Amino acid sequence: MTTNGLLELQRWYSAQCDGSWEHQYGVKIQTLDNPGWRVSIDLSDTPLADRLFDETKFQGNKEHEWYSCRLNSKVFEGACGPECLDKVLDIFLTWLKGS
């Protein structure tokens, strides 16, 4: 992910904030102890809430080179190795754009 990707995520989040949405839903990025990252983006009450998403999984040659992304009850969920956070966010942003 580039800085532009982070800016895109920030802009998407800001566009959802309407004085109500951000109090109940939002974006969470947390660490995992295996090690890695967990990303949860609640899509409830957004234009993406009912859009289909094909689960994506990848396991590279290195131990921590992996990621998995899916939709679960209107929440985009991504989990990945410690150096793959950018890939998970890129997958979300690409899906957001409809590509």
N, C-alpha and C. Protein backbone atom coordinates (compact mmCIF):
# COMPACT_ATOMS: atom_id res chain seq x y z
N MET A 1 0.85 -1.18 0.00
CA MET A 1 0.00 0.00 0.00
C MET A 1 0.88 1.23 0.00
N THR A 2 0.49 2.20 -0.72
CA THR A 2 1.22 3.45 -0.75
C THR A 2 0.55 4.44 0.18
N THR A 3 1.19 5.56 0.37
CA THR A 3 0.57 6.62 1.15
C THR A 3 -0.78 6.99 0.54
N ASN A 4 -0.87 6.95 -0.80
CA ASN A 4 -2.15 7.23 -1.44
C ASN A 4 -3.22 6.24 -1.01
N GLY A 5 -2.85 4.97 -0.80
CA GLY A 5 -3.79 3.97 -0.33
C GLY A 5 -4.30 4.30 1.06
N LEU A 6 -3.42 4.73 1.92
CA LEU A 6 -3.83 5.13 3.27
C LEU A 6 -4.75 6.36 3.20
N LEU A 7 -4.44 7.28 2.32
CA LEU A 7 -5.30 8.45 2.13
C LEU A 7 -6.68 8.03 1.62
N GLU A 8 -6.72 7.04 0.73
CA GLU A 8 -8.00 6.55 0.22
C GLU A 8 -8.84 5.94 1.33
N LEU A 9 -8.22 5.15 2.20
CA LEU A 9 -8.93 4.55 3.32
C LEU A 9 -9.45 5.64 4.26
N GLN A 10 -8.64 6.63 4.52
CA GLN A 10 -9.06 7.75 5.37
C GLN A 10 -10.24 8.49 4.75
N ARG A 11 -10.19 8.71 3.45
CA ARG A 11 -11.28 9.42 2.77
C ARG A 11 -12.56 8.60 2.80
N TRP A 12 -12.44 7.27 2.58
CA TRP A 12 -13.63 6.43 2.64
C TRP A 12 -14.25 6.50 4.03
N TYR A 13 -13.41 6.36 5.06
CA TYR A 13 -13.90 6.43 6.43
C TYR A 13 -14.59 7.77 6.70
N SER A 14 -13.94 8.84 6.32
CA SER A 14 -14.51 10.18 6.54
C SER A 14 -15.85 10.34 5.84
N ALA A 15 -15.97 9.77 4.64
CA ALA A 15 -17.22 9.88 3.89
C ALA A 15 -18.37 9.13 4.56
N GLN A 16 -18.06 8.12 5.36
CA GLN A 16 -19.10 7.36 6.06
C GLN A 16 -19.58 8.09 7.33
N CYS A 17 -18.70 8.91 7.89
CA CYS A 17 -19.01 9.60 9.14
C CYS A 17 -20.10 10.64 8.92
N ASP A 18 -21.24 10.41 9.55
CA ASP A 18 -22.39 11.29 9.38
C ASP A 18 -22.96 11.75 10.72
N GLY A 19 -22.19 11.60 11.77
CA GLY A 19 -22.67 11.96 13.09
C GLY A 19 -23.28 10.79 13.83
N SER A 20 -23.55 9.72 13.11
CA SER A 20 -24.15 8.53 13.71
C SER A 20 -23.34 7.27 13.42
N TRP A 21 -23.01 7.06 12.13
CA TRP A 21 -22.32 5.84 11.70
C TRP A 21 -21.07 5.57 12.53
N GLU A 22 -20.26 6.57 12.72
CA GLU A 22 -18.97 6.39 13.39
C GLU A 22 -19.10 6.02 14.87
N HIS A 23 -20.28 6.20 15.44
CA HIS A 23 -20.48 5.83 16.84
C HIS A 23 -20.78 4.35 17.00
N GLN A 24 -21.23 3.71 15.91
CA GLN A 24 -21.60 2.31 15.99
C GLN A 24 -20.70 1.41 15.15
N TYR A 25 -20.15 1.95 14.07
CA TYR A 25 -19.35 1.16 13.14
C TYR A 25 -17.97 1.79 13.00
N GLY A 26 -17.14 1.23 12.13
CA GLY A 26 -15.85 1.85 11.91
C GLY A 26 -14.81 0.88 11.40
N VAL A 27 -13.56 1.29 11.55
CA VAL A 27 -12.40 0.55 11.07
C VAL A 27 -11.53 0.22 12.28
N LYS A 28 -11.10 -1.04 12.37
CA LYS A 28 -10.20 -1.46 13.44
C LYS A 28 -9.00 -2.16 12.82
N ILE A 29 -7.83 -1.78 13.26
CA ILE A 29 -6.60 -2.47 12.86
C ILE A 29 -5.90 -2.85 14.15
N GLN A 30 -5.71 -4.17 14.33
CA GLN A 30 -5.12 -4.69 15.56
C GLN A 30 -3.98 -5.63 15.22
N THR A 31 -3.15 -5.89 16.20
CA THR A 31 -2.08 -6.86 16.01
C THR A 31 -2.54 -8.24 16.45
N LEU A 32 -1.92 -9.26 15.86
CA LEU A 32 -2.11 -10.65 16.25
C LEU A 32 -0.84 -11.13 16.94
N ASP A 33 -0.95 -12.14 17.76
CA ASP A 33 0.23 -12.60 18.48
C ASP A 33 0.99 -13.71 17.77
N ASN A 34 0.67 -13.98 16.51
CA ASN A 34 1.36 -15.09 15.84
C ASN A 34 2.53 -14.73 14.92
N PRO A 35 3.08 -13.66 14.67
CA PRO A 35 2.57 -12.28 14.72
C PRO A 35 1.83 -11.95 13.43
N GLY A 36 1.14 -10.84 13.46
CA GLY A 36 0.42 -10.40 12.28
C GLY A 36 -0.55 -9.27 12.59
N TRP A 37 -1.47 -9.08 11.66
CA TRP A 37 -2.44 -7.99 11.75
C TRP A 37 -3.85 -8.54 11.54
N ARG A 38 -4.83 -7.88 12.15
CA ARG A 38 -6.25 -8.15 11.91
C ARG A 38 -6.91 -6.81 11.56
N VAL A 39 -7.64 -6.81 10.46
CA VAL A 39 -8.35 -5.61 10.00
C VAL A 39 -9.84 -5.93 9.97
N SER A 40 -10.65 -5.08 10.58
CA SER A 40 -12.10 -5.21 10.54
C SER A 40 -12.68 -3.88 10.09
N ILE A 41 -13.46 -3.91 9.02
CA ILE A 41 -14.09 -2.71 8.50
C ILE A 41 -15.58 -2.98 8.41
N ASP A 42 -16.34 -2.35 9.30
CA ASP A 42 -17.78 -2.58 9.34
C ASP A 42 -18.45 -1.80 8.22
N LEU A 43 -19.13 -2.50 7.35
CA LEU A 43 -19.74 -1.91 6.17
C LEU A 43 -21.23 -1.63 6.36
N SER A 44 -21.76 -1.90 7.53
CA SER A 44 -23.17 -1.66 7.80
C SER A 44 -23.52 -0.21 7.51
N ASP A 45 -24.67 0.00 6.91
CA ASP A 45 -25.16 1.34 6.56
C ASP A 45 -24.21 2.10 5.64
N THR A 46 -23.51 1.35 4.77
CA THR A 46 -22.69 1.97 3.73
C THR A 46 -23.12 1.37 2.39
N PRO A 47 -22.74 2.00 1.28
CA PRO A 47 -23.07 1.44 -0.04
C PRO A 47 -22.46 0.05 -0.28
N LEU A 48 -21.46 -0.35 0.52
CA LEU A 48 -20.81 -1.64 0.34
C LEU A 48 -21.48 -2.76 1.12
N ALA A 49 -22.46 -2.44 1.94
CA ALA A 49 -23.04 -3.41 2.88
C ALA A 49 -23.53 -4.68 2.21
N ASP A 50 -24.07 -4.58 1.01
CA ASP A 50 -24.64 -5.76 0.35
C ASP A 50 -23.85 -6.21 -0.88
N ARG A 51 -22.68 -5.64 -1.08
CA ARG A 51 -21.87 -6.02 -2.23
C ARG A 51 -21.18 -7.37 -1.95
N LEU A 52 -21.12 -8.21 -2.96
CA LEU A 52 -20.46 -9.51 -2.81
C LEU A 52 -18.95 -9.35 -2.82
N PHE A 53 -18.29 -10.23 -2.08
CA PHE A 53 -16.82 -10.25 -2.03
C PHE A 53 -16.39 -11.70 -2.04
N ASP A 54 -15.47 -12.04 -2.93
CA ASP A 54 -14.93 -13.39 -2.99
C ASP A 54 -13.78 -13.52 -2.00
N GLU A 55 -13.89 -14.48 -1.12
CA GLU A 55 -12.83 -14.70 -0.13
C GLU A 55 -11.49 -14.87 -0.84
N THR A 56 -10.46 -14.27 -0.27
CA THR A 56 -9.12 -14.29 -0.85
C THR A 56 -8.14 -14.82 0.17
N LYS A 57 -7.32 -15.78 -0.25
CA LYS A 57 -6.29 -16.33 0.64
C LYS A 57 -4.99 -16.45 -0.14
N PHE A 58 -3.89 -16.27 0.59
CA PHE A 58 -2.56 -16.39 -0.01
C PHE A 58 -1.59 -16.90 1.03
N GLN A 59 -0.76 -17.85 0.65
CA GLN A 59 0.33 -18.33 1.49
C GLN A 59 1.58 -18.33 0.65
N GLY A 60 2.52 -17.46 1.00
CA GLY A 60 3.76 -17.37 0.26
C GLY A 60 4.79 -18.39 0.72
N ASN A 61 6.01 -18.23 0.26
CA ASN A 61 7.07 -19.15 0.60
C ASN A 61 7.66 -18.91 1.98
N LYS A 62 7.53 -17.70 2.48
CA LYS A 62 8.07 -17.36 3.79
C LYS A 62 7.02 -17.61 4.86
N GLU A 63 7.47 -17.89 6.08
CA GLU A 63 6.58 -18.23 7.18
C GLU A 63 5.50 -17.18 7.43
N HIS A 64 5.86 -15.91 7.41
CA HIS A 64 4.92 -14.84 7.74
C HIS A 64 4.34 -14.15 6.52
N GLU A 65 4.49 -14.76 5.35
CA GLU A 65 3.99 -14.19 4.10
C GLU A 65 2.63 -14.82 3.77
N TRP A 66 1.58 -14.27 4.35
CA TRP A 66 0.23 -14.82 4.15
C TRP A 66 -0.81 -13.74 4.40
N TYR A 67 -1.99 -13.96 3.83
CA TYR A 67 -3.13 -13.12 4.15
C TYR A 67 -4.42 -13.86 3.81
N SER A 68 -5.48 -13.41 4.41
CA SER A 68 -6.80 -13.95 4.19
C SER A 68 -7.80 -12.82 4.35
N CYS A 69 -8.72 -12.68 3.40
CA CYS A 69 -9.73 -11.62 3.46
C CYS A 69 -11.09 -12.22 3.13
N ARG A 70 -12.11 -11.77 3.84
CA ARG A 70 -13.47 -12.26 3.61
C ARG A 70 -14.48 -11.26 4.13
N LEU A 71 -15.74 -11.48 3.79
CA LEU A 71 -16.84 -10.73 4.38
C LEU A 71 -17.53 -11.63 5.39
N ASN A 72 -17.86 -11.07 6.53
CA ASN A 72 -18.57 -11.81 7.57
C ASN A 72 -19.60 -10.88 8.19
N SER A 73 -20.86 -11.12 7.88
CA SER A 73 -21.96 -10.30 8.43
C SER A 73 -21.73 -8.81 8.22
N LYS A 74 -21.48 -8.44 6.97
CA LYS A 74 -21.29 -7.03 6.58
C LYS A 74 -20.03 -6.41 7.15
N VAL A 75 -19.07 -7.24 7.54
CA VAL A 75 -17.77 -6.75 8.02
C VAL A 75 -16.69 -7.35 7.13
N PHE A 76 -15.87 -6.47 6.54
CA PHE A 76 -14.69 -6.93 5.81
C PHE A 76 -13.67 -7.32 6.86
N GLU A 77 -13.20 -8.57 6.79
CA GLU A 77 -12.21 -9.05 7.74
C GLU A 77 -10.96 -9.46 7.00
N GLY A 78 -9.84 -8.96 7.45
CA GLY A 78 -8.56 -9.35 6.88
C GLY A 78 -7.62 -9.73 7.99
N ALA A 79 -6.84 -10.75 7.75
CA ALA A 79 -5.79 -11.16 8.68
C ALA A 79 -4.57 -11.44 7.83
N CYS A 80 -3.39 -11.15 8.39
CA CYS A 80 -2.19 -11.31 7.58
C CYS A 80 -0.94 -11.36 8.44
N GLY A 81 0.15 -11.74 7.79
CA GLY A 81 1.45 -11.73 8.43
C GLY A 81 1.89 -10.30 8.71
N PRO A 82 2.96 -10.14 9.48
CA PRO A 82 3.37 -8.82 9.94
C PRO A 82 3.80 -7.85 8.84
N GLU A 83 4.13 -8.35 7.65
CA GLU A 83 4.55 -7.45 6.57
C GLU A 83 3.57 -7.44 5.41
N CYS A 84 2.33 -7.85 5.65
CA CYS A 84 1.33 -7.92 4.57
C CYS A 84 0.13 -7.02 4.81
N LEU A 85 0.19 -6.14 5.80
CA LEU A 85 -0.93 -5.24 6.07
C LEU A 85 -1.28 -4.42 4.84
N ASP A 86 -0.28 -3.96 4.13
CA ASP A 86 -0.53 -3.16 2.93
C ASP A 86 -1.33 -3.95 1.90
N LYS A 87 -1.08 -5.23 1.76
CA LYS A 87 -1.80 -6.05 0.79
C LYS A 87 -3.27 -6.18 1.18
N VAL A 88 -3.56 -6.40 2.46
CA VAL A 88 -4.95 -6.51 2.91
C VAL A 88 -5.70 -5.21 2.65
N LEU A 89 -5.08 -4.09 2.96
CA LEU A 89 -5.73 -2.80 2.71
C LEU A 89 -5.90 -2.54 1.22
N ASP A 90 -4.93 -2.96 0.42
CA ASP A 90 -5.06 -2.83 -1.04
C ASP A 90 -6.22 -3.67 -1.57
N ILE A 91 -6.41 -4.86 -1.03
CA ILE A 91 -7.52 -5.72 -1.45
C ILE A 91 -8.84 -5.02 -1.14
N PHE A 92 -8.95 -4.45 0.05
CA PHE A 92 -10.18 -3.73 0.39
C PHE A 92 -10.40 -2.55 -0.55
N LEU A 93 -9.38 -1.76 -0.78
CA LEU A 93 -9.53 -0.56 -1.62
C LEU A 93 -9.84 -0.91 -3.07
N THR A 94 -9.27 -1.97 -3.57
CA THR A 94 -9.55 -2.41 -4.94
C THR A 94 -11.02 -2.84 -5.04
N TRP A 95 -11.49 -3.58 -4.04
CA TRP A 95 -12.89 -4.00 -4.01
C TRP A 95 -13.81 -2.79 -3.88
N LEU A 96 -13.41 -1.84 -3.06
CA LEU A 96 -14.18 -0.61 -2.87
C LEU A 96 -14.40 0.10 -4.21
N LYS A 97 -13.38 0.12 -5.03
CA LYS A 97 -13.46 0.80 -6.33
C LYS A 97 -14.21 -0.02 -7.36
N GLY A 98 -14.54 -1.26 -7.02
CA GLY A 98 -15.30 -2.10 -7.95
C GLY A 98 -14.47 -2.84 -8.95
N SER A 99 -13.14 -2.88 -8.74
CA SER A 99 -12.26 -3.60 -9.67
C SER A 99 -12.13 -5.05 -9.30
